[in-house]
């Protein structure tokens, strides 16, 4: 069974988040701005490159709003 790299998992998760927001009638960027968050920082949290407590909290918030399951937690 092939293993996905963290970058591949981050890319897949970002695609799921973007798609989910589109299905909700908004966009990832619009949601970030409505929350007062910089989309590039939120992207870092999604990819896991901003992995401290604040980054993890932002990641959880965006995944919850998008209705996307956190694949990193599921794999752990």
N, C-alpha and C. Protein backbone atom coordinates (compact mmCIF):
# COMPACT_ATOMS: atom_id res chain seq x y z
N UNK A 1 0.85 -1.17 0.00
CA UNK A 1 0.00 0.00 0.00
C UNK A 1 0.89 1.24 0.00
N UNK A 2 0.71 2.16 -0.97
CA UNK A 2 1.57 3.34 -1.03
C UNK A 2 1.28 4.30 0.12
N UNK A 3 2.34 4.91 0.60
CA UNK A 3 2.21 5.89 1.67
C UNK A 3 2.20 7.28 1.07
N UNK A 4 1.29 8.11 1.57
CA UNK A 4 1.23 9.49 1.12
C UNK A 4 2.18 10.33 1.95
N UNK A 5 2.88 11.25 1.30
CA UNK A 5 3.76 12.16 2.01
C UNK A 5 2.90 13.23 2.69
N UNK A 6 3.44 13.90 3.69
CA UNK A 6 2.69 14.98 4.33
C UNK A 6 2.24 16.05 3.32
N UNK A 7 3.07 16.34 2.34
CA UNK A 7 2.71 17.34 1.33
C UNK A 7 1.50 16.86 0.51
N UNK A 8 1.48 15.58 0.16
CA UNK A 8 0.34 15.03 -0.59
C UNK A 8 -0.93 15.07 0.24
N UNK A 9 -0.81 14.73 1.51
CA UNK A 9 -1.97 14.78 2.40
C UNK A 9 -2.47 16.20 2.56
N UNK A 10 -1.55 17.15 2.69
CA UNK A 10 -1.93 18.56 2.81
C UNK A 10 -2.63 19.06 1.57
N UNK A 11 -2.12 18.67 0.42
CA UNK A 11 -2.73 19.08 -0.84
C UNK A 11 -4.14 18.51 -0.96
N UNK A 12 -4.29 17.26 -0.64
CA UNK A 12 -5.61 16.62 -0.71
C UNK A 12 -6.58 17.28 0.27
N UNK A 13 -6.13 17.56 1.48
CA UNK A 13 -6.98 18.19 2.48
C UNK A 13 -7.39 19.59 2.03
N UNK A 14 -6.45 20.34 1.45
CA UNK A 14 -6.76 21.68 0.97
C UNK A 14 -7.80 21.62 -0.15
N UNK A 15 -7.69 20.65 -1.04
CA UNK A 15 -8.67 20.49 -2.11
C UNK A 15 -10.05 20.17 -1.54
N UNK A 16 -10.09 19.34 -0.52
CA UNK A 16 -11.37 18.99 0.11
C UNK A 16 -11.99 20.22 0.77
N UNK A 17 -11.17 21.01 1.45
CA UNK A 17 -11.67 22.22 2.11
C UNK A 17 -12.22 23.19 1.07
N UNK A 18 -11.46 23.45 0.02
CA UNK A 18 -11.92 24.37 -1.04
C UNK A 18 -13.23 23.88 -1.66
N UNK A 19 -13.28 22.61 -2.00
CA UNK A 19 -14.48 22.04 -2.60
C UNK A 19 -15.69 22.11 -1.69
N UNK A 20 -15.46 21.85 -0.42
CA UNK A 20 -16.56 21.88 0.54
C UNK A 20 -17.14 23.29 0.67
N UNK A 21 -16.26 24.29 0.72
CA UNK A 21 -16.77 25.66 0.81
C UNK A 21 -17.53 26.03 -0.46
N UNK A 22 -17.08 25.58 -1.61
CA UNK A 22 -17.79 25.87 -2.86
C UNK A 22 -19.19 25.24 -2.81
N UNK A 23 -19.27 24.01 -2.31
CA UNK A 23 -20.58 23.36 -2.20
C UNK A 23 -21.50 24.09 -1.24
N UNK A 24 -20.91 24.83 -0.29
CA UNK A 24 -21.69 25.61 0.66
C UNK A 24 -22.06 26.99 0.09
N UNK A 25 -21.60 27.29 -1.11
CA UNK A 25 -21.93 28.55 -1.76
C UNK A 25 -21.00 29.70 -1.42
N UNK A 26 -19.81 29.38 -0.93
CA UNK A 26 -18.81 30.39 -0.61
C UNK A 26 -17.46 29.89 -1.11
N UNK A 27 -16.41 30.56 -0.71
CA UNK A 27 -15.06 30.12 -1.07
C UNK A 27 -14.21 30.05 0.18
N UNK A 28 -13.11 29.36 0.05
CA UNK A 28 -12.14 29.26 1.14
C UNK A 28 -11.66 30.66 1.54
N UNK A 29 -11.29 31.47 0.56
CA UNK A 29 -10.78 32.81 0.84
C UNK A 29 -11.85 33.67 1.50
N UNK A 30 -13.08 33.60 1.01
CA UNK A 30 -14.17 34.39 1.60
C UNK A 30 -14.40 33.98 3.05
N UNK A 31 -14.35 32.67 3.32
CA UNK A 31 -14.55 32.21 4.70
C UNK A 31 -13.43 32.74 5.59
N UNK A 32 -12.18 32.62 5.13
CA UNK A 32 -11.04 33.11 5.93
C UNK A 32 -11.21 34.59 6.25
N UNK A 33 -11.54 35.37 5.24
CA UNK A 33 -11.68 36.81 5.45
C UNK A 33 -12.85 37.13 6.37
N UNK A 34 -13.94 36.37 6.27
CA UNK A 34 -15.09 36.61 7.15
C UNK A 34 -14.75 36.31 8.61
N UNK A 35 -13.74 35.46 8.80
CA UNK A 35 -13.29 35.12 10.16
C UNK A 35 -12.14 36.01 10.63
N UNK A 36 -11.72 36.94 9.76
CA UNK A 36 -10.60 37.82 10.09
C UNK A 36 -9.25 37.12 10.05
N UNK A 37 -9.15 36.08 9.23
CA UNK A 37 -7.92 35.30 9.14
C UNK A 37 -7.27 35.50 7.78
N UNK A 38 -5.95 35.51 7.76
CA UNK A 38 -5.20 35.59 6.52
C UNK A 38 -5.24 34.21 5.85
N UNK A 39 -5.76 34.13 4.61
CA UNK A 39 -5.85 32.83 3.94
C UNK A 39 -4.52 32.08 3.84
N UNK A 40 -3.42 32.80 3.69
CA UNK A 40 -2.13 32.09 3.57
C UNK A 40 -1.72 31.46 4.90
N UNK A 41 -2.07 32.09 6.01
CA UNK A 41 -1.77 31.48 7.32
C UNK A 41 -2.66 30.27 7.58
N UNK A 42 -3.91 30.38 7.18
CA UNK A 42 -4.82 29.24 7.34
C UNK A 42 -4.33 28.07 6.48
N UNK A 43 -3.85 28.37 5.28
CA UNK A 43 -3.30 27.33 4.40
C UNK A 43 -2.12 26.63 5.08
N UNK A 44 -1.27 27.40 5.74
CA UNK A 44 -0.13 26.80 6.46
C UNK A 44 -0.63 25.87 7.56
N UNK A 45 -1.70 26.26 8.23
CA UNK A 45 -2.27 25.41 9.29
C UNK A 45 -2.83 24.12 8.69
N UNK A 46 -3.49 24.24 7.54
CA UNK A 46 -4.06 23.05 6.89
C UNK A 46 -2.96 22.10 6.45
N UNK A 47 -1.88 22.64 5.88
CA UNK A 47 -0.78 21.80 5.42
C UNK A 47 0.06 21.25 6.59
N UNK A 48 -0.11 21.82 7.77
CA UNK A 48 0.62 21.35 8.93
C UNK A 48 1.97 22.01 9.14
N UNK A 49 2.30 23.02 8.32
CA UNK A 49 3.57 23.71 8.50
C UNK A 49 3.49 24.72 9.64
N UNK A 50 2.30 25.08 10.02
CA UNK A 50 2.08 25.92 11.21
C UNK A 50 1.40 25.00 12.21
N UNK A 51 2.19 24.25 12.95
CA UNK A 51 1.66 23.17 13.76
C UNK A 51 1.62 23.41 15.25
N UNK A 52 1.83 24.66 15.67
CA UNK A 52 1.74 24.97 17.09
C UNK A 52 0.31 25.00 17.56
N UNK A 53 0.08 25.36 18.82
CA UNK A 53 -1.29 25.35 19.36
C UNK A 53 -2.26 26.24 18.58
N UNK A 54 -1.83 27.43 18.19
CA UNK A 54 -2.72 28.32 17.45
C UNK A 54 -3.00 27.77 16.05
N UNK A 55 -1.97 27.26 15.39
CA UNK A 55 -2.16 26.67 14.07
C UNK A 55 -3.10 25.47 14.11
N UNK A 56 -2.96 24.62 15.13
CA UNK A 56 -3.85 23.46 15.27
C UNK A 56 -5.29 23.90 15.54
N UNK A 57 -5.46 24.97 16.32
CA UNK A 57 -6.80 25.47 16.60
C UNK A 57 -7.45 26.03 15.33
N UNK A 58 -6.67 26.75 14.54
CA UNK A 58 -7.19 27.29 13.29
C UNK A 58 -7.52 26.16 12.32
N UNK A 59 -6.66 25.17 12.25
CA UNK A 59 -6.92 24.01 11.38
C UNK A 59 -8.23 23.34 11.78
N UNK A 60 -8.43 23.13 13.06
CA UNK A 60 -9.66 22.50 13.54
C UNK A 60 -10.88 23.35 13.19
N UNK A 61 -10.76 24.67 13.32
CA UNK A 61 -11.89 25.56 13.03
C UNK A 61 -12.26 25.53 11.55
N UNK A 62 -11.26 25.59 10.67
CA UNK A 62 -11.57 25.60 9.24
C UNK A 62 -12.11 24.25 8.79
N UNK A 63 -11.57 23.16 9.32
CA UNK A 63 -12.08 21.84 8.94
C UNK A 63 -13.51 21.65 9.43
N UNK A 64 -13.80 22.14 10.62
CA UNK A 64 -15.16 22.04 11.15
C UNK A 64 -16.12 22.86 10.28
N UNK A 65 -15.74 24.09 9.95
CA UNK A 65 -16.60 24.95 9.12
C UNK A 65 -16.81 24.35 7.74
N UNK A 66 -15.79 23.71 7.22
CA UNK A 66 -15.89 23.10 5.89
C UNK A 66 -16.61 21.76 5.93
N UNK A 67 -16.68 21.16 7.11
CA UNK A 67 -17.30 19.84 7.22
C UNK A 67 -16.41 18.74 6.70
N UNK A 68 -15.10 18.93 6.86
CA UNK A 68 -14.11 17.97 6.36
C UNK A 68 -13.49 17.25 7.55
N UNK A 69 -13.35 15.94 7.42
CA UNK A 69 -12.70 15.13 8.46
C UNK A 69 -11.20 15.31 8.39
N UNK A 70 -10.56 15.43 9.53
CA UNK A 70 -9.11 15.60 9.60
C UNK A 70 -8.43 14.28 9.36
N UNK A 71 -7.86 14.09 8.18
CA UNK A 71 -7.23 12.82 7.80
C UNK A 71 -5.99 12.55 8.64
N UNK A 72 -5.32 13.57 9.13
CA UNK A 72 -4.13 13.37 9.96
C UNK A 72 -4.51 12.73 11.29
N UNK A 73 -5.62 13.15 11.86
CA UNK A 73 -6.07 12.54 13.11
C UNK A 73 -6.58 11.13 12.88
N UNK A 74 -7.22 10.90 11.75
CA UNK A 74 -7.74 9.58 11.44
C UNK A 74 -6.61 8.58 11.26
N UNK A 75 -5.48 9.05 10.73
CA UNK A 75 -4.34 8.17 10.48
C UNK A 75 -3.58 7.87 11.77
N UNK A 76 -3.70 8.75 12.76
CA UNK A 76 -2.96 8.57 14.01
C UNK A 76 -3.54 7.50 14.89
